[in-house]
Amino acid sequence: MPLNANREVFITCAVTGSGSSQDRSPHVPRSPEQIANSAIDAAKAGAAVVHCHVRDPDSGTPSRKVAYYREVTQRIRAADVDVVLNLTAGMGGDMVFGGVEAPLPLNDAGTDMVGATERVEHVAQCLPEICTLDCGTMNFAEADYVMTNTPGMLRAMAEKMKALGVRPEIEAFDTGHLWFAKQLVDEGIIEDPVLIQLCMGIPWGAPDDLNTFMAMVNNVPDSWCFSAFSIGRNEMPYAAAAMLAGGNVRVGLEDNLWLEKGTLATNAQLVEKAATIVTNMGARVIGPDEVRERLKLVKRDMPA
């Protein structure tokens, strides 16, 4: 198929994620202050959107604590640079089985399963412009861990996002997730303009070869707005691939720790490198106001 390059690209920075990267780089932020400061630096480097998880400040392990999200939101909103805030709503669907011969009871150490209201409570309290909706269940690299998102749970969470006036960013890790996302749109649960993130190279979802990527792209309706990323060493090649395929770009320490071989990156450095790739290919990097206009986003103060 002919290239349909996007000439007005926005960059999302995925600031810290929920993976076990906290001890692999000193640049992975842990505390709410560190996460907010890293997001602000990424915005100054050219990111129009920052995608934020939170972590326990001491251990660096992923957290769902609402107070951490509120502090991150307060600090970002008070910054001297504008940016679109995107909070994860992917936490709270973790199921770790007991083992291949005795899968039940579930492993309490890794299982974190809560209801739809609790999964979006931080969204209700922070009112970001965007929050994520992982649109399917998937085996992850760990032997007995399953990211669990049932159709009923996803419908309930999407309805709550709609009622809050927060735009879902659909996270699609495979083609079936796109299929269900279309169903949610057909049912009127997710409204136009539809925003989707194509998540490539994450075991055991869609591999990040270009044939699979273009199969994902070709399953995105023309009217939707999409972004894409890959993890690890293919993060920057996907900045080019996403733009060439008509999409937008995501980079950040959630997806990759390295600026180049032997050099650990900061979020701001990853954004700067992606922006250089995009502009050298003839596109313009757009800012948060243009993203809000394109996606019909509303920037609001956090409730008291």
Protein backbone atom coordinates (compact mmCIF):
# COMPACT_ATOMS: atom_id res chain seq x y z
CA MET A 1 0.00 0.00 0.00
CA PRO A 2 1.21 3.58 -0.56
CA LEU A 3 2.68 5.52 2.35
CA ASN A 4 0.35 7.97 4.04
CA ALA A 5 2.83 9.85 6.21
CA ASN A 6 1.58 12.04 9.01
CA ARG A 7 3.03 15.53 8.61
CA GLU A 8 1.73 16.89 11.95
CA VAL A 9 2.87 14.51 14.67
CA PHE A 10 2.38 14.59 18.41
CA ILE A 11 4.79 12.83 20.74
CA THR A 12 3.68 10.99 23.87
CA CYS A 13 6.21 10.31 26.60
CA ALA A 14 5.49 7.20 28.71
CA VAL A 15 7.29 8.36 31.81
CA THR A 16 7.81 5.37 34.10
CA GLY A 17 5.46 2.42 33.45
CA SER A 18 4.69 -0.50 35.75
CA GLY A 19 7.50 -2.87 34.80
CA SER A 20 10.45 -3.93 36.93
CA SER A 21 12.80 -1.33 35.48
CA GLN A 22 13.27 0.75 38.64
CA ASP A 23 16.63 -0.83 39.54
CA ARG A 24 18.00 -0.95 35.99
CA SER A 25 18.44 2.78 35.49
CA PRO A 26 18.86 5.70 37.90
CA HIS A 27 16.74 7.80 35.54
CA VAL A 28 13.53 5.80 36.09
CA PRO A 29 11.46 8.05 38.36
CA ARG A 30 9.88 6.56 41.49
CA SER A 31 8.36 9.23 43.73
CA PRO A 32 5.46 11.44 42.60
CA GLU A 33 7.83 14.41 42.58
CA GLN A 34 10.35 12.57 40.40
CA ILE A 35 7.63 11.33 38.03
CA ALA A 36 6.15 14.81 37.67
CA ASN A 37 9.56 16.44 37.16
CA SER A 38 10.48 13.88 34.51
CA ALA A 39 7.14 14.47 32.76
CA ILE A 40 7.68 18.24 32.86
CA ASP A 41 11.18 17.85 31.39
CA ALA A 42 9.72 15.65 28.63
CA ALA A 43 7.14 18.34 27.86
CA LYS A 44 9.86 20.96 27.62
CA ALA A 45 11.70 18.66 25.20
CA GLY A 46 8.68 18.45 22.89
CA ALA A 47 6.21 15.90 24.26
CA ALA A 48 2.63 17.10 23.85
CA VAL A 49 1.30 14.22 26.00
CA VAL A 50 2.72 12.55 29.11
CA HIS A 51 1.49 9.07 30.04
CA CYS A 52 1.94 8.40 33.76
CA HIS A 53 1.91 5.43 36.09
CA VAL A 54 2.90 5.81 39.75
CA ARG A 55 5.28 3.79 41.90
CA ASP A 56 5.98 3.29 45.57
CA PRO A 57 8.63 5.95 46.30
CA ASP A 58 10.78 3.62 48.41
CA SER A 59 10.69 0.31 46.54
CA GLY A 60 9.90 1.59 43.05
CA THR A 61 7.26 -1.11 42.62
CA PRO A 62 4.07 -0.20 40.71
CA SER A 63 1.24 1.30 42.72
CA ARG A 64 -2.41 2.29 42.37
CA LYS A 65 -2.38 4.70 45.32
CA VAL A 66 -4.67 7.62 44.52
CA ALA A 67 -2.64 10.06 46.63
CA TYR A 68 0.38 9.48 44.40
CA TYR A 69 -1.68 10.21 41.28
CA ARG A 70 -3.06 13.36 42.85
CA GLU A 71 0.43 14.63 43.68
CA VAL A 72 1.70 13.89 40.18
CA THR A 73 -1.31 15.68 38.69
CA GLN A 74 -0.94 18.72 40.96
CA ARG A 75 2.73 19.10 40.16
CA ILE A 76 2.27 18.75 36.39
CA ARG A 77 -0.69 21.16 36.33
CA ALA A 78 1.31 23.72 38.30
CA ALA A 79 4.31 23.56 35.97
CA ASP A 80 5.47 26.41 33.77
CA VAL A 81 4.98 24.26 30.66
CA ASP A 82 1.68 22.99 29.27
CA VAL A 83 1.15 19.29 28.49
CA VAL A 84 -1.76 16.89 27.98
CA LEU A 85 -2.05 14.50 30.92
CA ASN A 86 -2.71 10.81 30.23
CA LEU A 87 -3.05 8.55 33.30
CA THR A 88 -2.97 4.79 33.07
CA ALA A 89 -6.08 2.84 34.05
CA GLY A 90 -4.42 -0.48 33.30
CA MET A 91 -3.64 -1.41 36.88
CA GLY A 92 -5.92 -3.68 38.92
CA GLY A 93 -6.31 -6.47 36.38
CA ASP A 94 -3.28 -8.59 37.28
CA MET A 95 -3.84 -12.30 37.77
CA VAL A 96 -0.94 -14.59 38.75
CA PHE A 97 -1.74 -18.29 38.84
CA GLY A 98 -0.30 -20.68 41.38
CA GLY A 99 1.56 -22.87 38.89
CA VAL A 100 0.99 -25.31 36.06
CA GLU A 101 -0.07 -28.21 38.31
CA ALA A 102 -1.96 -26.15 40.89
CA PRO A 103 -3.18 -22.93 39.26
CA LEU A 104 -5.63 -22.24 42.09
CA PRO A 105 -5.57 -20.56 44.49
CA LEU A 106 -4.06 -17.54 42.80
CA ASN A 107 -0.68 -16.25 43.90
CA ASP A 108 -1.42 -13.43 46.35
CA ALA A 109 2.02 -11.91 45.90
CA GLY A 110 1.35 -10.83 42.32
CA THR A 111 -2.43 -10.86 41.90
CA ASP A 112 -4.14 -7.47 42.00
CA MET A 113 -7.76 -7.74 40.86
CA VAL A 114 -10.23 -4.98 41.69
CA GLY A 115 -13.54 -3.73 40.30
CA ALA A 116 -14.17 -1.16 37.59
CA THR A 117 -14.90 1.71 39.98
CA GLU A 118 -11.64 1.22 41.88
CA ARG A 119 -9.66 0.89 38.66
CA VAL A 120 -10.73 4.38 37.59
CA GLU A 121 -10.97 6.06 41.02
CA HIS A 122 -7.75 8.00 40.45
CA VAL A 123 -9.11 9.15 37.09
CA ALA A 124 -12.25 10.47 38.80
CA GLN A 125 -10.13 12.29 41.40
CA CYS A 126 -7.57 13.76 38.97
CA LEU A 127 -9.61 14.37 35.78
CA PRO A 128 -6.79 14.05 33.22
CA GLU A 129 -7.61 14.76 29.60
CA ILE A 130 -6.88 11.10 28.68
CA CYS A 131 -6.69 7.75 30.44
CA THR A 132 -5.82 4.37 29.00
CA LEU A 133 -8.11 1.40 28.35
CA ASP A 134 -6.24 -1.87 27.71
CA CYS A 135 -8.67 -3.43 25.30
CA GLY A 136 -8.15 -7.14 25.94
CA THR A 137 -6.75 -9.94 28.06
CA MET A 138 -3.19 -11.09 27.35
CA ASN A 139 -0.45 -13.41 28.53
CA PHE A 140 2.66 -11.42 29.45
CA ALA A 141 6.24 -12.67 29.42
CA GLU A 142 6.08 -13.99 32.97
CA ALA A 143 5.16 -17.67 33.12
CA ASP A 144 1.88 -17.50 35.04
CA TYR A 145 0.84 -13.81 34.79
CA VAL A 146 -2.22 -12.76 32.80
CA MET A 147 -3.32 -9.16 32.21
CA THR A 148 -7.07 -9.56 32.62
CA ASN A 149 -9.60 -7.27 30.95
CA THR A 150 -12.93 -8.98 30.33
CA PRO A 151 -15.50 -7.52 27.92
CA GLY A 152 -17.76 -6.69 30.86
CA MET A 153 -14.98 -4.95 32.77
CA LEU A 154 -13.94 -2.95 29.72
CA ARG A 155 -17.51 -1.84 29.00
CA ALA A 156 -17.94 -0.74 32.61
CA MET A 157 -14.64 1.14 32.71
CA ALA A 158 -15.27 2.83 29.35
CA GLU A 159 -18.73 3.94 30.50
CA LYS A 160 -17.20 5.50 33.61
CA MET A 161 -14.57 7.31 31.51
CA LYS A 162 -17.33 8.62 29.27
CA ALA A 163 -19.33 9.87 32.26
CA LEU A 164 -16.23 11.63 33.61
CA GLY A 165 -15.55 13.35 30.30
CA VAL A 166 -12.10 11.75 30.02
CA ARG A 167 -11.00 10.52 26.58
CA PRO A 168 -9.98 6.84 26.56
CA GLU A 169 -6.76 5.96 24.81
CA ILE A 170 -7.38 2.41 23.63
CA GLU A 171 -4.30 0.25 24.15
CA ALA A 172 -4.21 -2.48 21.49
CA PHE A 173 -1.63 -5.23 21.98
CA ASP A 174 -2.99 -7.45 19.19
CA THR A 175 -5.55 -7.44 16.38
CA GLY A 176 -8.30 -8.91 18.54
CA HIS A 177 -8.04 -5.89 20.81
CA LEU A 178 -8.74 -3.68 17.80
CA TRP A 179 -11.75 -5.84 16.97
CA PHE A 180 -13.23 -5.33 20.44
CA ALA A 181 -12.41 -1.61 20.39
CA LYS A 182 -14.50 -1.29 17.22
CA GLN A 183 -17.32 -3.02 19.06
CA LEU A 184 -17.17 -0.49 21.90
CA VAL A 185 -17.28 2.32 19.34
CA ASP A 186 -20.23 0.69 17.51
CA GLU A 187 -22.08 0.45 20.84
CA GLY A 188 -21.52 4.16 21.47
CA ILE A 189 -19.49 3.53 24.62
CA ILE A 190 -16.42 5.18 23.12
CA GLU A 191 -17.16 8.34 21.18
CA ASP A 192 -15.40 10.15 18.34
CA PRO A 193 -12.67 11.16 17.99
CA VAL A 194 -11.32 7.71 18.79
CA LEU A 195 -7.72 7.56 20.04
CA ILE A 196 -5.76 4.32 19.92
CA GLN A 197 -2.24 3.25 20.83
CA LEU A 198 -0.70 0.33 18.92
CA CYS A 199 1.56 -1.51 21.38
CA MET A 200 4.14 -3.56 19.50
CA GLY A 201 6.78 -6.05 20.56
CA ILE A 202 5.44 -6.88 24.03
CA PRO A 203 5.51 -10.63 24.77
CA TRP A 204 3.07 -12.21 24.00
CA GLY A 205 1.13 -9.69 21.98
CA ALA A 206 1.76 -8.44 18.46
CA PRO A 207 5.42 -8.81 17.44
CA ASP A 208 7.04 -5.64 16.16
CA ASP A 209 7.92 -6.77 12.65
CA LEU A 210 6.64 -4.36 10.00
CA ASN A 211 4.24 -6.85 8.42
CA THR A 212 2.42 -7.27 11.73
CA PHE A 213 2.55 -3.54 12.37
CA MET A 214 0.95 -2.75 9.04
CA ALA A 215 -1.72 -5.39 9.69
CA MET A 216 -2.51 -3.49 12.88
CA VAL A 217 -2.48 -0.13 11.07
CA ASN A 218 -4.73 -1.47 8.31
CA ASN A 219 -7.27 -2.50 10.96
CA VAL A 220 -7.49 1.04 12.35
CA PRO A 221 -10.46 2.91 10.80
CA ASP A 222 -9.44 5.95 8.77
CA SER A 223 -11.34 8.30 11.07
CA TRP A 224 -9.45 7.21 14.19
CA CYS A 225 -6.30 8.89 15.51
CA PHE A 226 -3.52 6.43 16.27
CA SER A 227 -0.11 6.38 17.85
CA ALA A 228 2.36 3.51 18.01
CA PHE A 229 5.46 2.33 19.79
CA SER A 230 7.76 -0.63 20.22
CA ILE A 231 9.84 -1.53 23.23
CA GLY A 232 13.60 -1.83 23.64
CA ARG A 233 15.99 -1.24 20.75
CA ASN A 234 13.18 -0.73 18.23
CA GLU A 235 11.71 2.26 20.07
CA MET A 236 13.30 4.84 17.73
CA PRO A 237 12.76 2.91 14.49
CA TYR A 238 9.09 2.90 15.42
CA ALA A 239 9.11 6.68 15.73
CA ALA A 240 9.83 6.68 12.00
CA ALA A 241 7.51 3.76 11.21
CA ALA A 242 4.55 5.28 13.05
CA MET A 243 4.94 8.64 11.32
CA LEU A 244 5.32 7.02 7.88
CA ALA A 245 2.20 4.91 8.45
CA GLY A 246 0.12 7.98 9.26
CA GLY A 247 0.32 7.89 13.05
CA ASN A 248 1.85 9.61 16.02
CA VAL A 249 4.80 8.67 18.21
CA ARG A 250 5.34 7.34 21.72
CA VAL A 251 8.69 7.04 23.48
CA GLY A 252 9.77 7.02 27.11
CA LEU A 253 11.38 5.03 29.89
CA GLU A 254 8.32 2.80 30.22
CA ASP A 255 9.31 1.27 26.88
CA ASN A 256 13.10 1.62 26.62
CA LEU A 257 15.93 2.67 28.96
CA TRP A 258 18.67 3.36 26.41
CA LEU A 259 19.55 6.41 24.34
CA GLU A 260 22.14 4.39 22.45
CA LYS A 261 24.30 1.37 23.19
CA GLY A 262 25.96 1.89 26.56
CA THR A 263 24.16 5.15 27.37
CA LEU A 264 21.14 5.21 29.65
CA ALA A 265 18.52 7.77 28.65
CA THR A 266 16.32 10.30 30.39
CA ASN A 267 12.76 10.83 29.22
CA ALA A 268 13.66 14.26 27.85
CA GLN A 269 16.51 12.79 25.80
CA LEU A 270 14.22 10.16 24.29
CA VAL A 271 11.67 12.82 23.34
CA GLU A 272 14.38 15.02 21.80
CA LYS A 273 15.69 12.10 19.74
CA ALA A 274 12.20 11.17 18.52
CA ALA A 275 11.47 14.80 17.63
CA THR A 276 14.69 14.97 15.61
CA ILE A 277 13.70 11.84 13.68
CA VAL A 278 10.22 13.18 12.96
CA THR A 279 11.36 16.64 11.88
CA ASN A 280 14.21 15.27 9.75
CA MET A 281 11.58 13.24 7.89
CA GLY A 282 9.67 16.40 7.03
CA ALA A 283 6.97 16.44 9.69
CA ARG A 284 6.12 19.07 12.28
CA VAL A 285 5.89 18.21 15.98
CA ILE A 286 2.67 19.70 17.33
CA GLY A 287 1.99 20.89 20.85
CA PRO A 288 -0.65 20.25 23.51
CA ASP A 289 -3.16 22.86 22.37
CA GLU A 290 -3.27 21.36 18.88
CA VAL A 291 -3.67 17.88 20.36
CA ARG A 292 -6.58 19.08 22.50
CA GLU A 293 -8.23 20.61 19.44
CA ARG A 294 -7.69 17.47 17.35
CA LEU A 295 -9.00 15.08 20.01
CA LYS A 296 -11.63 17.39 21.57
CA LEU A 297 -9.94 17.27 24.95
CA VAL A 298 -10.81 19.51 27.89
CA LYS A 299 -8.15 20.57 30.38
CA ARG A 300 -9.73 20.79 33.84
CA ASP A 301 -8.58 21.48 37.36
CA MET A 302 -8.36 18.55 39.70
CA PRO A 303 -11.31 18.38 42.12
CA ALA A 304 -10.53 19.52 45.66
